Amino acid sequence: MRERQAGMIINGVKIDDTFAEAFPMVATRLIITADTERWAFTAANSMIGFSTSVIACGVETGIEKKLKPSETPDGRPGMSVLLFAMNSKELAKQIVTRTGQSVMTSPTSACYAGIREGKKIKMGAALRYFGDGFQRSKLLGKIRYWRIPIMDGEFLVEDFTYEVPGIGGGNFLILAESRGQALSAAERAITAMNRVENVVMPFPGGVVGSGSKLGSKYPKLSASTNDAFCPTLKGLTKTELPPEVESVMEIVIDGLAEKDIARAMRAGVRAVCTLGRKNGIVRISAGHYGGKLGPYHFHLHKVLK
């Protein structure tokens, strides 16, 4: 893959000299297991439903990776899920609600903490009341578990999970000649980024088709369409798009640390650039708000070096 530093062009794709702006969040990791991989995925996939953006969902989540039986607390197939929220109260609420409604209801499932440091958050300690007095606890070492009787047997859930600092809003934009080319590039990026640990891409399939900007002409809205990157508005607004760009896809990354988000961005952008200009990929850019949104700035040129 040919790379030129001056102005940074990779395989014919121009990399804008700009940065992605991200903000502090709080996060946790949960380990969800089941008798089979299918049902571990089903429970995890249900838990992460409607959690693309804190703008309206309250939490941003994603499946971090698939776990082998040798990697889980109970020796069964599992999924690692990361959850991110803007504050401790919201994170605690979402953990209990989603574990109770999406994991406990899924056949053969169990749920454990995937992080054992930081601030304690009730999980089984809150969900145990569903057992209606028949629930029982078990202390193994220093970890307490709750056995909640349910119709398919028992739901095993760890007493607490733990809150740690997180970062939300890492991102990059794919500018392409057509929607099909932009989507193919985004899919390639997500495949590469899914190999990076400690991050999730919370939007549907990891890709954002309707990227937003801060604020709106309507006072009640905190975010609205990113008109500068909307191809159909080139003649109506101060556009950031050249004439040949007809579609823009965004990828948003949440992670546990700056280095994790930078690693994911690098993997994703480089995967896109393997397609090159000959396949309709014109530019890579990023979304920022002049430092008004958050203190974490991921400069594309620095990330890619």
C-alpha atoms as a PDB file:
ATOM      1  CA  MET A   1       0.000   0.000   0.000  1.00  0.00           C
ATOM      2  CA  ARG A   2       1.687   3.210  -1.202  1.00  0.00           C
ATOM      3  CA  GLU A   3       1.852   5.953   1.419  1.00  0.00           C
ATOM      4  CA  ARG A   4       2.997   9.545   0.976  1.00  0.00           C
ATOM      5  CA  GLN A   5       3.461  11.668   4.112  1.00  0.00           C
ATOM      6  CA  ALA A   6       3.224  15.135   2.570  1.00  0.00           C
ATOM      7  CA  GLY A   7      -0.486  15.861   2.860  1.00  0.00           C
ATOM      8  CA  MET A   8      -0.754  12.121   3.632  1.00  0.00           C
ATOM      9  CA  ILE A   9      -2.100  10.121   0.730  1.00  0.00           C
ATOM     10  CA  ILE A  10      -2.429   6.356   1.122  1.00  0.00           C
ATOM     11  CA  ASN A  11      -3.067   4.295  -1.999  1.00  0.00           C
ATOM     12  CA  GLY A  12      -4.508   7.367  -3.680  1.00  0.00           C
ATOM     13  CA  VAL A  13      -6.812   8.190  -0.735  1.00  0.00           C
ATOM     14  CA  LYS A  14      -6.314  11.624   0.822  1.00  0.00           C
ATOM     15  CA  ILE A  15      -6.181  11.654   4.634  1.00  0.00           C
ATOM     16  CA  ASP A  16      -7.434  14.995   5.947  1.00  0.00           C
ATOM     17  CA  ASP A  17      -5.222  16.834   8.413  1.00  0.00           C
ATOM     18  CA  THR A  18      -7.916  16.911  11.081  1.00  0.00           C
ATOM     19  CA  PHE A  19      -8.887  15.145  14.292  1.00  0.00           C
ATOM     20  CA  ALA A  20     -11.669  13.139  15.881  1.00  0.00           C
ATOM     21  CA  GLU A  21     -12.933  14.637  19.114  1.00  0.00           C
ATOM     22  CA  ALA A  22     -13.905  12.270  21.927  1.00  0.00           C
ATOM     23  CA  PHE A  23     -15.216  12.685  25.464  1.00  0.00           C
ATOM     24  CA  PRO A  24     -15.027  10.973  28.880  1.00  0.00           C
ATOM     25  CA  MET A  25     -17.478   8.202  29.735  1.00  0.00           C
ATOM     26  CA  VAL A  26     -17.761   5.452  32.344  1.00  0.00           C
ATOM     27  CA  ALA A  27     -17.663   1.830  31.283  1.00  0.00           C
ATOM     28  CA  THR A  28     -17.851  -1.801  32.286  1.00  0.00           C
ATOM     29  CA  ARG A  29     -17.375  -5.202  30.703  1.00  0.00           C
ATOM     30  CA  LEU A  30     -19.793  -8.114  31.173  1.00  0.00           C
ATOM     31  CA  ILE A  31     -19.206 -11.749  30.291  1.00  0.00           C
ATOM     32  CA  ILE A  32     -22.341 -13.528  29.072  1.00  0.00           C
ATOM     33  CA  THR A  33     -22.323 -17.310  28.723  1.00  0.00           C
ATOM     34  CA  ALA A  34     -24.788 -20.001  27.670  1.00  0.00           C
ATOM     35  CA  ASP A  35     -24.924 -23.691  26.856  1.00  0.00           C
ATOM     36  CA  THR A  36     -24.095 -22.969  23.211  1.00  0.00           C
ATOM     37  CA  GLU A  37     -22.421 -20.189  21.267  1.00  0.00           C
ATOM     38  CA  ARG A  38     -25.716 -19.457  19.510  1.00  0.00           C
ATOM     39  CA  TRP A  39     -27.484 -18.687  22.775  1.00  0.00           C
ATOM     40  CA  ALA A  40     -24.554 -16.747  24.246  1.00  0.00           C
ATOM     41  CA  PHE A  41     -24.682 -14.537  21.149  1.00  0.00           C
ATOM     42  CA  THR A  42     -28.474 -14.267  21.346  1.00  0.00           C
ATOM     43  CA  ALA A  43     -28.338 -13.003  24.939  1.00  0.00           C
ATOM     44  CA  ALA A  44     -25.489 -10.589  24.213  1.00  0.00           C
ATOM     45  CA  ASN A  45     -27.109  -9.323  21.030  1.00  0.00           C
ATOM     46  CA  SER A  46     -30.354  -8.680  22.894  1.00  0.00           C
ATOM     47  CA  MET A  47     -28.501  -6.795  25.636  1.00  0.00           C
ATOM     48  CA  ILE A  48     -26.908  -4.393  23.151  1.00  0.00           C
ATOM     49  CA  GLY A  49     -30.189  -3.549  21.412  1.00  0.00           C
ATOM     50  CA  PHE A  50     -31.075   0.161  21.104  1.00  0.00           C
ATOM     51  CA  SER A  51     -27.732   1.378  22.427  1.00  0.00           C
ATOM     52  CA  THR A  52     -26.123   3.236  19.547  1.00  0.00           C
ATOM     53  CA  SER A  53     -25.800   6.695  21.097  1.00  0.00           C
ATOM     54  CA  VAL A  54     -26.227   8.341  24.474  1.00  0.00           C
ATOM     55  CA  ILE A  55     -28.079  11.106  22.625  1.00  0.00           C
ATOM     56  CA  ALA A  56     -31.245   9.028  22.972  1.00  0.00           C
ATOM     57  CA  CYS A  57     -30.357   5.532  24.195  1.00  0.00           C
ATOM     58  CA  GLY A  58     -28.734   6.316  27.543  1.00  0.00           C
ATOM     59  CA  VAL A  59     -25.904   3.880  26.902  1.00  0.00           C
ATOM     60  CA  GLU A  60     -23.594   2.809  24.088  1.00  0.00           C
ATOM     61  CA  THR A  61     -22.693  -0.875  23.870  1.00  0.00           C
ATOM     62  CA  GLY A  62     -21.295  -3.565  21.662  1.00  0.00           C
ATOM     63  CA  ILE A  63     -20.036  -7.127  21.587  1.00  0.00           C
ATOM     64  CA  GLU A  64     -16.291  -6.851  22.092  1.00  0.00           C
ATOM     65  CA  LYS A  65     -15.417 -10.428  21.144  1.00  0.00           C
ATOM     66  CA  LYS A  66     -16.424 -14.080  21.213  1.00  0.00           C
ATOM     67  CA  LEU A  67     -14.980 -16.131  24.080  1.00  0.00           C
ATOM     68  CA  LYS A  68     -13.923 -19.774  24.067  1.00  0.00           C
ATOM     69  CA  PRO A  69     -15.123 -22.004  26.925  1.00  0.00           C
ATOM     70  CA  SER A  70     -11.566 -21.889  28.305  1.00  0.00           C
ATOM     71  CA  GLU A  71     -11.878 -18.101  28.603  1.00  0.00           C
ATOM     72  CA  THR A  72     -15.146 -17.915  30.584  1.00  0.00           C
ATOM     73  CA  PRO A  73     -15.844 -18.323  34.316  1.00  0.00           C
ATOM     74  CA  ASP A  74     -18.101 -21.347  33.877  1.00  0.00           C
ATOM     75  CA  GLY A  75     -16.353 -23.138  31.003  1.00  0.00           C
ATOM     76  CA  ARG A  76     -19.128 -22.485  28.487  1.00  0.00           C
ATOM     77  CA  PRO A  77     -19.166 -20.449  25.244  1.00  0.00           C
ATOM     78  CA  GLY A  78     -19.403 -16.737  25.913  1.00  0.00           C
ATOM     79  CA  MET A  79     -19.464 -13.172  24.671  1.00  0.00           C
ATOM     80  CA  SER A  80     -17.694 -10.137  26.059  1.00  0.00           C
ATOM     81  CA  VAL A  81     -19.851  -6.997  26.049  1.00  0.00           C
ATOM     82  CA  LEU A  82     -18.714  -3.434  26.756  1.00  0.00           C
ATOM     83  CA  LEU A  83     -21.154  -0.792  28.027  1.00  0.00           C
ATOM     84  CA  PHE A  84     -20.481   2.970  28.107  1.00  0.00           C
ATOM     85  CA  ALA A  85     -22.546   5.730  29.735  1.00  0.00           C
ATOM     86  CA  MET A  86     -22.120   9.397  30.606  1.00  0.00           C
ATOM     87  CA  ASN A  87     -22.371   8.901  34.376  1.00  0.00           C
ATOM     88  CA  SER A  88     -22.375   6.229  37.087  1.00  0.00           C
ATOM     89  CA  LYS A  89     -26.101   6.430  37.786  1.00  0.00           C
ATOM     90  CA  GLU A  90     -27.060   5.777  34.171  1.00  0.00           C
ATOM     91  CA  LEU A  91     -24.544   2.960  33.790  1.00  0.00           C
ATOM     92  CA  ALA A  92     -25.856   1.224  36.924  1.00  0.00           C
ATOM     93  CA  LYS A  93     -29.449   1.561  35.711  1.00  0.00           C
ATOM     94  CA  GLN A  94     -28.661   0.159  32.282  1.00  0.00           C
ATOM     95  CA  ILE A  95     -26.695  -2.794  33.648  1.00  0.00           C
ATOM     96  CA  VAL A  96     -29.546  -3.989  35.852  1.00  0.00           C
ATOM     97  CA  THR A  97     -32.255  -3.317  33.263  1.00  0.00           C
ATOM     98  CA  ARG A  98     -30.470  -4.959  30.346  1.00  0.00           C
ATOM     99  CA  THR A  99     -29.140  -7.921  32.316  1.00  0.00           C
ATOM    100  CA  GLY A 100     -32.573  -8.595  33.777  1.00  0.00           C
ATOM    101  CA  GLN A 101     -34.595  -8.110  30.623  1.00  0.00           C
ATOM    102  CA  SER A 102     -32.218  -9.434  27.952  1.00  0.00           C
ATOM    103  CA  VAL A 103     -29.815 -11.890  29.586  1.00  0.00           C
ATOM    104  CA  MET A 104     -31.803 -13.533  32.382  1.00  0.00           C
ATOM    105  CA  THR A 105     -34.691 -14.076  29.953  1.00  0.00           C
ATOM    106  CA  SER A 106     -32.448 -15.771  27.381  1.00  0.00           C
ATOM    107  CA  PRO A 107     -32.345 -19.575  27.788  1.00  0.00           C
ATOM    108  CA  THR A 108     -29.383 -21.146  29.653  1.00  0.00           C
ATOM    109  CA  SER A 109     -27.631 -17.805  30.179  1.00  0.00           C
ATOM    110  CA  ALA A 110     -25.375 -16.536  32.979  1.00  0.00           C
ATOM    111  CA  CYS A 111     -23.693 -13.176  33.523  1.00  0.00           C
ATOM    112  CA  TYR A 112     -20.370 -12.259  35.134  1.00  0.00           C
ATOM    113  CA  ALA A 113     -18.178  -9.218  35.664  1.00  0.00           C
ATOM    114  CA  GLY A 114     -15.474  -8.875  33.022  1.00  0.00           C
ATOM    115  CA  ILE A 115     -13.564  -6.219  34.988  1.00  0.00           C
ATOM    116  CA  ARG A 116     -12.523  -6.597  38.623  1.00  0.00           C
ATOM    117  CA  GLU A 117     -11.291  -3.146  39.513  1.00  0.00           C
ATOM    118  CA  GLY A 118     -12.828   0.272  39.970  1.00  0.00           C
ATOM    119  CA  LYS A 119     -16.149   1.246  41.508  1.00  0.00           C
ATOM    120  CA  LYS A 120     -18.614  -1.519  42.420  1.00  0.00           C
ATOM    121  CA  ILE A 121     -21.965  -1.583  40.610  1.00  0.00           C
ATOM    122  CA  LYS A 122     -24.823  -3.809  41.730  1.00  0.00           C
ATOM    123  CA  MET A 123     -25.774  -6.548  39.321  1.00  0.00           C
ATOM    124  CA  GLY A 124     -26.850  -9.802  40.978  1.00  0.00           C
ATOM    125  CA  ALA A 125     -27.236  -7.819  44.196  1.00  0.00           C
ATOM    126  CA  ALA A 126     -30.176  -6.049  42.528  1.00  0.00           C
ATOM    127  CA  LEU A 127     -31.490  -8.832  40.281  1.00  0.00           C
ATOM    128  CA  ARG A 128     -31.691 -11.447  43.070  1.00  0.00           C
ATOM    129  CA  TYR A 129     -35.114 -10.175  44.163  1.00  0.00           C
ATOM    130  CA  PHE A 130     -36.620 -11.723  41.049  1.00  0.00           C
ATOM    131  CA  GLY A 131     -36.130 -15.029  42.888  1.00  0.00           C
ATOM    132  CA  ASP A 132     -39.007 -14.037  45.200  1.00  0.00           C
ATOM    133  CA  GLY A 133     -37.167 -15.273  48.288  1.00  0.00           C
ATOM    134  CA  PHE A 134     -36.031 -18.570  46.744  1.00  0.00           C
ATOM    135  CA  GLN A 135     -32.717 -17.109  45.525  1.00  0.00           C
ATOM    136  CA  ARG A 136     -29.501 -18.310  47.123  1.00  0.00           C
ATOM    137  CA  SER A 137     -25.993 -16.853  47.210  1.00  0.00           C
ATOM    138  CA  LYS A 138     -22.655 -18.631  46.980  1.00  0.00           C
ATOM    139  CA  LEU A 139     -19.291 -17.168  47.937  1.00  0.00           C
ATOM    140  CA  LEU A 140     -16.368 -18.555  45.935  1.00  0.00           C
ATOM    141  CA  GLY A 141     -13.153 -17.005  47.182  1.00  0.00           C
ATOM    142  CA  LYS A 142     -13.967 -13.308  47.432  1.00  0.00           C
ATOM    143  CA  ILE A 143     -16.650 -13.325  44.732  1.00  0.00           C
ATOM    144  CA  ARG A 144     -20.338 -13.704  45.549  1.00  0.00           C
ATOM    145  CA  TYR A 145     -22.747 -15.203  43.021  1.00  0.00           C
ATOM    146  CA  TRP A 146     -26.533 -15.397  43.068  1.00  0.00           C
ATOM    147  CA  ARG A 147     -28.475 -18.458  41.981  1.00  0.00           C
ATOM    148  CA  ILE A 148     -31.915 -17.309  40.880  1.00  0.00           C
ATOM    149  CA  PRO A 149     -34.437 -20.103  40.205  1.00  0.00           C
ATOM    150  CA  ILE A 150     -36.054 -19.721  36.793  1.00  0.00           C
ATOM    151  CA  MET A 151     -38.143 -22.028  34.652  1.00  0.00           C
ATOM    152  CA  ASP A 152     -35.258 -23.400  32.581  1.00  0.00           C
ATOM    153  CA  GLY A 153     -33.185 -24.118  35.700  1.00  0.00           C
ATOM    154  CA  GLU A 154     -31.125 -21.379  37.393  1.00  0.00           C
ATOM    155  CA  PHE A 155     -29.824 -17.978  36.352  1.00  0.00           C
ATOM    156  CA  LEU A 156     -26.316 -17.520  37.754  1.00  0.00           C
ATOM    157  CA  VAL A 157     -25.237 -13.894  38.074  1.00  0.00           C
ATOM    158  CA  GLU A 158     -22.304 -12.241  39.802  1.00  0.00           C
ATOM    159  CA  ASP A 159     -23.084  -9.942  42.745  1.00  0.00           C
ATOM    160  CA  PHE A 160     -21.279  -6.874  41.352  1.00  0.00           C
ATOM    161  CA  THR A 161     -19.563  -5.627  38.252  1.00  0.00           C
ATOM    162  CA  TYR A 162     -17.145  -2.692  38.227  1.00  0.00           C
ATOM    163  CA  GLU A 163     -17.068   0.764  36.687  1.00  0.00           C
ATOM    164  CA  VAL A 164     -13.903   2.110  35.056  1.00  0.00           C
ATOM    165  CA  PRO A 165     -13.177   5.250  32.997  1.00  0.00           C
ATOM    166  CA  GLY A 166     -13.961   5.050  29.300  1.00  0.00           C
ATOM    167  CA  ILE A 167     -13.839   7.236  26.205  1.00  0.00           C
ATOM    168  CA  GLY A 168     -16.599   7.772  23.656  1.00  0.00           C
ATOM    169  CA  GLY A 169     -16.716   9.398  20.272  1.00  0.00           C
ATOM    170  CA  GLY A 170     -13.568   8.335  18.476  1.00  0.00           C
ATOM    171  CA  ASN A 171     -14.462   8.393  14.795  1.00  0.00           C
ATOM    172  CA  PHE A 172     -13.507   8.694  11.158  1.00  0.00           C
ATOM    173  CA  LEU A 173     -15.429   9.442   7.964  1.00  0.00           C
ATOM    174  CA  ILE A 174     -15.229   7.555   4.678  1.00  0.00           C
ATOM    175  CA  LEU A 175     -15.866   9.757   1.625  1.00  0.00           C
ATOM    176  CA  ALA A 176     -16.619   7.773  -1.532  1.00  0.00           C
ATOM    177  CA  GLU A 177     -17.949   8.168  -5.046  1.00  0.00           C
ATOM    178  CA  SER A 178     -20.998   5.986  -4.388  1.00  0.00           C
ATOM    179  CA  ARG A 179     -22.988   4.559  -1.497  1.00  0.00           C
ATOM    180  CA  GLY A 180     -22.042   1.003  -2.413  1.00  0.00           C
ATOM    181  CA  GLN A 181     -18.342   1.854  -2.366  1.00  0.00           C
ATOM    182  CA  ALA A 182     -18.635   3.695   0.947  1.00  0.00           C
ATOM    183  CA  LEU A 183     -20.486   0.782   2.542  1.00  0.00           C
ATOM    184  CA  SER A 184     -18.038  -1.820   1.244  1.00  0.00           C
ATOM    185  CA  ALA A 185     -15.179   0.222   2.678  1.00  0.00           C
ATOM    186  CA  ALA A 186     -16.956   0.583   6.013  1.00  0.00           C
ATOM    187  CA  GLU A 187     -17.592  -3.157   6.203  1.00  0.00           C
ATOM    188  CA  ARG A 188     -13.923  -3.815   5.517  1.00  0.00           C
ATOM    189  CA  ALA A 189     -12.965  -1.372   8.267  1.00  0.00           C
ATOM    190  CA  ILE A 190     -15.280  -3.027  10.822  1.00  0.00           C
ATOM    191  CA  THR A 191     -13.840  -6.458  10.055  1.00  0.00           C
ATOM    192  CA  ALA A 192     -10.354  -5.143  10.849  1.00  0.00           C
ATOM    193  CA  MET A 193     -11.457  -3.166  13.904  1.00  0.00           C
ATOM    194  CA  ASN A 194     -13.273  -6.141  15.426  1.00  0.00           C
ATOM    195  CA  ARG A 195      -9.842  -7.689  16.003  1.00  0.00           C
ATOM    196  CA  VAL A 196      -8.921  -4.864  18.399  1.00  0.00           C
ATOM    197  CA  GLU A 197      -9.695  -5.475  22.078  1.00  0.00           C
ATOM    198  CA  ASN A 198     -11.134  -2.961  24.569  1.00  0.00           C
ATOM    199  CA  VAL A 199     -13.242  -1.177  21.926  1.00  0.00           C
ATOM    200  CA  VAL A 200     -16.704  -1.418  20.413  1.00  0.00           C
ATOM    201  CA  MET A 201     -18.349   0.299  17.476  1.00  0.00           C
ATOM    202  CA  PRO A 202     -21.841   0.902  18.904  1.00  0.00           C
ATOM    203  CA  PHE A 203     -23.863   1.846  15.814  1.00  0.00           C
ATOM    204  CA  PRO A 204     -25.751  -0.739  13.698  1.00  0.00           C
ATOM    205  CA  GLY A 205     -23.170  -3.116  12.261  1.00  0.00           C
ATOM    206  CA  GLY A 206     -20.570  -0.606  13.470  1.00  0.00           C
ATOM    207  CA  VAL A 207     -21.467   1.921  10.762  1.00  0.00           C
ATOM    208  CA  VAL A 208     -23.239   5.295  10.963  1.00  0.00           C
ATOM    209  CA  GLY A 209     -25.241   6.317   7.914  1.00  0.00           C
ATOM    210  CA  SER A 210     -26.637   9.462   9.556  1.00  0.00           C
ATOM    211  CA  GLY A 211     -23.733  11.201  11.266  1.00  0.00           C
ATOM    212  CA  SER A 212     -24.678  14.219  13.368  1.00  0.00           C
ATOM    213  CA  LYS A 213     -23.351  17.581  14.439  1.00  0.00           C
ATOM    214  CA  LEU A 214     -23.853  19.360  17.750  1.00  0.00           C
ATOM    215  CA  GLY A 215     -26.935  21.559  17.959  1.00  0.00           C
ATOM    216  CA  SER A 216     -29.815  22.335  15.638  1.00  0.00           C
ATOM    217  CA  LYS A 217     -31.931  25.198  14.327  1.00  0.00           C
ATOM    218  CA  TYR A 218     -34.640  23.644  16.499  1.00  0.00           C
ATOM    219  CA  PRO A 219     -33.859  24.540  20.146  1.00  0.00           C
ATOM    220  CA  LYS A 220     -35.125  21.264  21.619  1.00  0.00           C
ATOM    221  CA  LEU A 221     -32.664  19.150  19.602  1.00  0.00           C
ATOM    222  CA  SER A 222     -29.126  18.608  20.912  1.00  0.00           C
ATOM    223  CA  ALA A 223     -27.915  17.123  17.615  1.00  0.00           C
ATOM    224  CA  SER A 224     -28.895  17.259  13.960  1.00  0.00           C
ATOM    225  CA  THR A 225     -27.776  16.071  10.534  1.00  0.00           C
ATOM    226  CA  ASN A 226     -24.157  16.834   9.666  1.00  0.00           C
ATOM    227  CA  ASP A 227     -25.094  18.963   6.665  1.00  0.00           C
ATOM    228  CA  ALA A 228     -21.483  19.748   5.728  1.00  0.00           C
ATOM    229  CA  PHE A 229     -21.049  16.060   4.861  1.00  0.00           C
ATOM    230  CA  CYS A 230     -24.492  15.451   3.275  1.00  0.00           C
ATOM    231  CA  PRO A 231     -24.035  14.896  -0.489  1.00  0.00           C
ATOM    232  CA  THR A 232     -27.542  16.105  -1.387  1.00  0.00           C
ATOM    233  CA  LEU A 233     -26.918  19.467   0.314  1.00  0.00           C
ATOM    234  CA  LYS A 234     -23.760  20.483  -1.582  1.00  0.00           C
ATOM    235  CA  GLY A 235     -25.510  23.440  -3.179  1.00  0.00           C
ATOM    236  CA  LEU A 236     -27.426  24.494  -0.079  1.00  0.00           C
ATOM    237  CA  THR A 237     -24.843  24.589   2.715  1.00  0.00           C
ATOM    238  CA  LYS A 238     -21.151  25.122   3.384  1.00  0.00           C
ATOM    239  CA  THR A 239     -20.134  21.695   2.174  1.00  0.00           C
ATOM    240  CA  GLU A 240     -16.977  19.738   2.968  1.00  0.00           C
ATOM    241  CA  LEU A 241     -17.489  17.489  -0.049  1.00  0.00           C
ATOM    242  CA  PRO A 242     -15.932  17.678  -3.516  1.00  0.00           C
ATOM    243  CA  PRO A 243     -18.206  17.104  -6.533  1.00  0.00           C
ATOM    244  CA  GLU A 244     -17.220  13.451  -6.962  1.00  0.00           C
ATOM    245  CA  VAL A 245     -18.250  12.378  -3.433  1.00  0.00           C
ATOM    246  CA  GLU A 246     -21.802  11.032  -3.356  1.00  0.00           C
ATOM    247  CA  SER A 247     -21.791   9.125  -0.052  1.00  0.00           C
ATOM    248  CA  VAL A 248     -20.217   9.420   3.396  1.00  0.00           C
ATOM    249  CA  MET A 249     -20.156   6.714   6.075  1.00  0.00           C
ATOM    250  CA  GLU A 250     -18.966   7.285   9.634  1.00  0.00           C
ATOM    251  CA  ILE A 251     -17.509   4.816  12.104  1.00  0.00           C
ATOM    252  CA  VAL A 252     -17.687   5.697  15.812  1.00  0.00           C
ATOM    253  CA  ILE A 253     -15.478   3.994  18.395  1.00  0.00           C
ATOM    254  CA  ASP A 254     -15.837   3.730  22.187  1.00  0.00           C
ATOM    255  CA  GLY A 255     -12.893   2.371  24.133  1.00  0.00           C
ATOM    256  CA  LEU A 256     -11.388   1.843  27.556  1.00  0.00           C
ATOM    257  CA  ALA A 257      -8.273   3.933  26.817  1.00  0.00           C
ATOM    258  CA  GLU A 258      -6.886   6.401  24.255  1.00  0.00           C
ATOM    259  CA  LYS A 259      -4.419   3.831  22.919  1.00  0.00           C
ATOM    260  CA  ASP A 260      -7.261   1.377  22.256  1.00  0.00           C
ATOM    261  CA  ILE A 261      -9.269   3.876  20.213  1.00  0.00           C
ATOM    262  CA  ALA A 262      -6.166   4.991  18.305  1.00  0.00           C
ATOM    263  CA  ARG A 263      -5.335   1.364  17.500  1.00  0.00           C
ATOM    264  CA  ALA A 264      -8.871   0.725  16.235  1.00  0.00           C
ATOM    265  CA  MET A 265      -8.904   3.893  14.130  1.00  0.00           C
ATOM    266  CA  ARG A 266      -5.571   2.967  12.575  1.00  0.00           C
ATOM    267  CA  ALA A 267      -6.757  -0.549  11.750  1.00  0.00           C
ATOM    268  CA  GLY A 268      -9.996   0.739  10.250  1.00  0.00           C
ATOM    269  CA  VAL A 269      -8.532   3.528   8.134  1.00  0.00           C
ATOM    270  CA  ARG A 270      -5.759   1.333   6.781  1.00  0.00           C
ATOM    271  CA  ALA A 271      -8.306  -1.345   5.870  1.00  0.00           C
ATOM    272  CA  VAL A 272     -10.318   1.244   3.934  1.00  0.00           C
ATOM    273  CA  CYS A 273      -7.213   2.457   2.136  1.00  0.00           C
ATOM    274  CA  THR A 274      -6.445  -1.028   0.831  1.00  0.00           C
ATOM    275  CA  LEU A 275      -9.360  -0.440  -1.541  1.00  0.00           C
ATOM    276  CA  GLY A 276      -7.771   2.782  -2.735  1.00  0.00           C
ATOM    277  CA  ARG A 277      -8.835   5.579  -5.009  1.00  0.00           C
ATOM    278  CA  LYS A 278      -9.372   3.189  -7.920  1.00  0.00           C
ATOM    279  CA  ASN A 279     -12.293   1.685  -5.982  1.00  0.00           C
ATOM    280  CA  GLY A 280     -13.990   5.020  -5.388  1.00  0.00           C
ATOM    281  CA  ILE A 281     -12.551   5.936  -1.974  1.00  0.00           C
ATOM    282  CA  VAL A 282     -11.757   9.640  -2.206  1.00  0.00           C
ATOM    283  CA  ARG A 283     -10.895  10.855   1.301  1.00  0.00           C
ATOM    284  CA  ILE A 284     -10.768   9.967   4.973  1.00  0.00           C
ATOM    285  CA  SER A 285     -11.818  12.674   7.416  1.00  0.00           C
ATOM    286  CA  ALA A 286     -13.031  12.899  11.024  1.00  0.00           C
ATOM    287  CA  GLY A 287     -15.651  14.689  13.094  1.00  0.00           C
ATOM    288  CA  HIS A 288     -14.793  17.310  15.663  1.00  0.00           C
ATOM    289  CA  TYR A 289     -16.388  20.362  17.219  1.00  0.00           C
ATOM    290  CA  GLY A 290     -13.463  22.674  17.802  1.00  0.00           C
ATOM    291  CA  GLY A 291     -12.722  21.199  21.220  1.00  0.00           C
ATOM    292  CA  LYS A 292     -16.220  21.936  22.588  1.00  0.00           C
ATOM    293  CA  LEU A 293     -17.231  18.279  22.916  1.00  0.00           C
ATOM    294  CA  GLY A 294     -14.351  16.624  24.730  1.00  0.00           C
ATOM    295  CA  PRO A 295     -10.651  16.652  25.680  1.00  0.00           C
ATOM    296  CA  TYR A 296      -9.530  13.623  23.653  1.00  0.00           C
ATOM    297  CA  HIS A 297      -8.275  14.537  20.175  1.00  0.00           C
ATOM    298  CA  PHE A 298      -7.271  11.778  17.774  1.00  0.00           C
ATOM    299  CA  HIS A 299      -5.337  13.434  14.939  1.00  0.00           C
ATOM    300  CA  LEU A 300      -5.566  11.268  11.835  1.00  0.00           C
ATOM    301  CA  HIS A 301      -1.991  11.877  10.699  1.00  0.00           C
ATOM    302  CA  LYS A 302      -0.601  11.006  14.135  1.00  0.00           C
ATOM    303  CA  VAL A 303      -2.827   7.958  14.507  1.00  0.00           C
ATOM    304  CA  LEU A 304      -1.682   6.583  11.149  1.00  0.00           C
ATOM    305  CA  LYS A 305       2.055   7.085  11.624  1.00  0.00           C
END
